[in-house]
C-alpha atoms as a PDB file:
ATOM      1  CA  UNK A   1      11.274 -26.082   7.555  1.00  0.00           C
ATOM      2  CA  UNK A   2       9.905 -28.720   9.898  1.00  0.00           C
ATOM      3  CA  UNK A   3      10.863 -28.856  13.559  1.00  0.00           C
ATOM      4  CA  UNK A   4       9.873 -31.769  15.739  1.00  0.00           C
ATOM      5  CA  UNK A   5       8.639 -29.792  18.719  1.00  0.00           C
ATOM      6  CA  UNK A   6       7.960 -32.939  20.726  1.00  0.00           C
ATOM      7  CA  UNK A   7      11.650 -33.809  20.770  1.00  0.00           C
ATOM      8  CA  UNK A   8      12.711 -30.443  22.273  1.00  0.00           C
ATOM      9  CA  UNK A   9      13.174 -29.791  25.970  1.00  0.00           C
ATOM     10  CA  UNK A  10      11.301 -27.032  27.783  1.00  0.00           C
ATOM     11  CA  UNK A  11      14.437 -24.862  27.729  1.00  0.00           C
ATOM     12  CA  UNK A  12      14.832 -25.360  23.962  1.00  0.00           C
ATOM     13  CA  UNK A  13      11.149 -24.612  23.374  1.00  0.00           C
ATOM     14  CA  UNK A  14      11.369 -21.351  25.356  1.00  0.00           C
ATOM     15  CA  UNK A  15      14.505 -20.339  23.450  1.00  0.00           C
ATOM     16  CA  UNK A  16      12.738 -21.100  20.183  1.00  0.00           C
ATOM     17  CA  UNK A  17       9.762 -19.046  21.343  1.00  0.00           C
ATOM     18  CA  UNK A  18      12.058 -16.101  22.168  1.00  0.00           C
ATOM     19  CA  UNK A  19      13.733 -16.360  18.766  1.00  0.00           C
ATOM     20  CA  UNK A  20      10.350 -16.393  17.030  1.00  0.00           C
ATOM     21  CA  UNK A  21       9.204 -13.348  19.023  1.00  0.00           C
ATOM     22  CA  UNK A  22      12.363 -11.445  18.084  1.00  0.00           C
ATOM     23  CA  UNK A  23      11.991 -12.465  14.427  1.00  0.00           C
ATOM     24  CA  UNK A  24       8.356 -11.277  14.351  1.00  0.00           C
ATOM     25  CA  UNK A  25       9.252  -7.933  15.950  1.00  0.00           C
ATOM     26  CA  UNK A  26      12.128  -7.475  13.528  1.00  0.00           C
ATOM     27  CA  UNK A  27       9.891  -8.315  10.582  1.00  0.00           C
ATOM     28  CA  UNK A  28       7.222  -5.839  11.709  1.00  0.00           C
ATOM     29  CA  UNK A  29       9.774  -3.067  12.236  1.00  0.00           C
ATOM     30  CA  UNK A  30      11.289  -3.709   8.819  1.00  0.00           C
ATOM     31  CA  UNK A  31       7.845  -3.553   7.184  1.00  0.00           C
ATOM     32  CA  UNK A  32       7.078  -0.293   8.989  1.00  0.00           C
ATOM     33  CA  UNK A  33      10.349   1.250   7.803  1.00  0.00           C
ATOM     34  CA  UNK A  34       9.590   0.129   4.246  1.00  0.00           C
ATOM     35  CA  UNK A  35       6.081   1.589   4.448  1.00  0.00           C
ATOM     36  CA  UNK A  36       7.367   4.924   5.783  1.00  0.00           C
ATOM     37  CA  UNK A  37      10.000   5.080   3.046  1.00  0.00           C
ATOM     38  CA  UNK A  38       7.339   4.396   0.421  1.00  0.00           C
ATOM     39  CA  UNK A  39       5.065   7.073   1.888  1.00  0.00           C
ATOM     40  CA  UNK A  40       7.925   9.586   2.011  1.00  0.00           C
ATOM     41  CA  UNK A  41       8.724   8.879  -1.632  1.00  0.00           C
ATOM     42  CA  UNK A  42       5.075   9.319  -2.652  1.00  0.00           C
ATOM     43  CA  UNK A  43       4.768  12.557  -0.669  1.00  0.00           C
ATOM     44  CA  UNK A  44       7.998  13.856  -2.206  1.00  0.00           C
ATOM     45  CA  UNK A  45       6.798  12.971  -5.687  1.00  0.00           C
ATOM     46  CA  UNK A  46       3.607  14.970  -5.014  1.00  0.00           C
ATOM     47  CA  UNK A  47       5.584  17.944  -3.692  1.00  0.00           C
ATOM     48  CA  UNK A  48       5.014  17.474   0.018  1.00  0.00           C
ATOM     49  CA  UNK A  49       6.979  16.523   3.071  1.00  0.00           C
ATOM     50  CA  UNK A  50       5.550  13.485   4.883  1.00  0.00           C
ATOM     51  CA  UNK A  51       5.467  15.369   8.180  1.00  0.00           C
ATOM     52  CA  UNK A  52       3.261  18.030   6.556  1.00  0.00           C
ATOM     53  CA  UNK A  53       0.730  15.378   5.618  1.00  0.00           C
ATOM     54  CA  UNK A  54       0.758  13.437   8.857  1.00  0.00           C
ATOM     55  CA  UNK A  55       0.232  16.239  11.352  1.00  0.00           C
ATOM     56  CA  UNK A  56      -2.643  15.018  13.472  1.00  0.00           C
ATOM     57  CA  UNK A  57      -5.450  17.369  14.260  1.00  0.00           C
ATOM     58  CA  UNK A  58      -4.901  16.597  17.928  1.00  0.00           C
ATOM     59  CA  UNK A  59      -7.524  15.597  20.374  1.00  0.00           C
ATOM     60  CA  UNK A  60      -9.721  18.298  21.719  1.00  0.00           C
ATOM     61  CA  UNK A  61      -9.027  18.865  25.362  1.00  0.00           C
ATOM     62  CA  UNK A  62     -11.444  20.618  27.580  1.00  0.00           C
ATOM     63  CA  UNK A  63     -10.122  23.530  29.472  1.00  0.00           C
ATOM     64  CA  UNK A  64     -10.932  23.950  33.104  1.00  0.00           C
ATOM     65  CA  UNK A  65     -14.413  25.301  33.564  1.00  0.00           C
ATOM     66  CA  UNK A  66     -15.252  28.011  36.051  1.00  0.00           C
ATOM     67  CA  UNK A  67     -17.313  26.922  39.060  1.00  0.00           C
ATOM     68  CA  UNK A  68     -21.029  27.078  38.484  1.00  0.00           C
ATOM     69  CA  UNK A  69     -22.442  25.891  41.809  1.00  0.00           C
ATOM     70  CA  UNK A  70     -21.419  26.528  45.416  1.00  0.00           C
ATOM     71  CA  UNK A  71     -22.302  24.825  48.660  1.00  0.00           C
ATOM     72  CA  UNK A  72     -24.379  27.319  50.677  1.00  0.00           C
ATOM     73  CA  UNK A  73     -23.009  25.905  53.940  1.00  0.00           C
ATOM     74  CA  UNK A  74     -19.384  26.211  52.762  1.00  0.00           C
ATOM     75  CA  UNK A  75     -18.863  28.537  49.774  1.00  0.00           C
ATOM     76  CA  UNK A  76     -15.332  27.216  49.284  1.00  0.00           C
ATOM     77  CA  UNK A  77     -16.866  23.959  48.037  1.00  0.00           C
ATOM     78  CA  UNK A  78     -17.731  24.516  44.389  1.00  0.00           C
ATOM     79  CA  UNK A  79     -18.674  22.414  41.390  1.00  0.00           C
ATOM     80  CA  UNK A  80     -18.409  23.177  37.673  1.00  0.00           C
ATOM     81  CA  UNK A  81     -21.406  21.066  36.724  1.00  0.00           C
ATOM     82  CA  UNK A  82     -19.157  18.561  34.973  1.00  0.00           C
ATOM     83  CA  UNK A  83     -18.563  15.043  36.155  1.00  0.00           C
ATOM     84  CA  UNK A  84     -20.020  13.397  39.188  1.00  0.00           C
ATOM     85  CA  UNK A  85     -22.122  15.485  41.550  1.00  0.00           C
ATOM     86  CA  UNK A  86     -20.434  16.223  44.851  1.00  0.00           C
ATOM     87  CA  UNK A  87     -22.081  14.861  47.987  1.00  0.00           C
ATOM     88  CA  UNK A  88     -23.050  18.317  49.189  1.00  0.00           C
ATOM     89  CA  UNK A  89     -24.922  18.886  45.905  1.00  0.00           C
ATOM     90  CA  UNK A  90     -26.756  15.568  46.190  1.00  0.00           C
ATOM     91  CA  UNK A  91     -27.663  16.319  49.811  1.00  0.00           C
ATOM     92  CA  UNK A  92     -28.981  19.762  48.888  1.00  0.00           C
ATOM     93  CA  UNK A  93     -31.100  18.309  46.068  1.00  0.00           C
ATOM     94  CA  UNK A  94     -32.521  15.655  48.410  1.00  0.00           C
ATOM     95  CA  UNK A  95     -33.314  18.414  50.918  1.00  0.00           C
ATOM     96  CA  UNK A  96     -35.563  20.039  48.313  1.00  0.00           C
ATOM     97  CA  UNK A  97     -33.267  22.654  46.823  1.00  0.00           C
ATOM     98  CA  UNK A  98     -33.103  23.093  43.079  1.00  0.00           C
ATOM     99  CA  UNK A  99     -29.848  23.425  41.135  1.00  0.00           C
ATOM    100  CA  UNK A 100     -30.798  27.047  40.459  1.00  0.00           C
ATOM    101  CA  UNK A 101     -30.694  27.716  44.214  1.00  0.00           C
ATOM    102  CA  UNK A 102     -27.034  26.650  44.279  1.00  0.00           C
ATOM    103  CA  UNK A 103     -25.825  28.752  41.336  1.00  0.00           C
ATOM    104  CA  UNK A 104     -22.967  31.128  42.043  1.00  0.00           C
END
């Protein structure tokens, strides 16, 4: 199939582009459905359900950590030791305190 793109107007070219995009998306979706059907058939043949085999382990999420350090000037300001140091912690370290001095 040959199309003389030079003979098309801008409107026709954009319509052609939209049609091609839809055709590609449709093709990809169809291939995915075919792949899933093939995987389901293979899993069934082996005695499994596809959902049993595809359960992801899940990403490990960190829970909230208890505060480890407190600002001596304002004990309500705390830090777990994770992430960026708060300004009060940096100021205390520059003033000569050690992290052990700021432990809760």
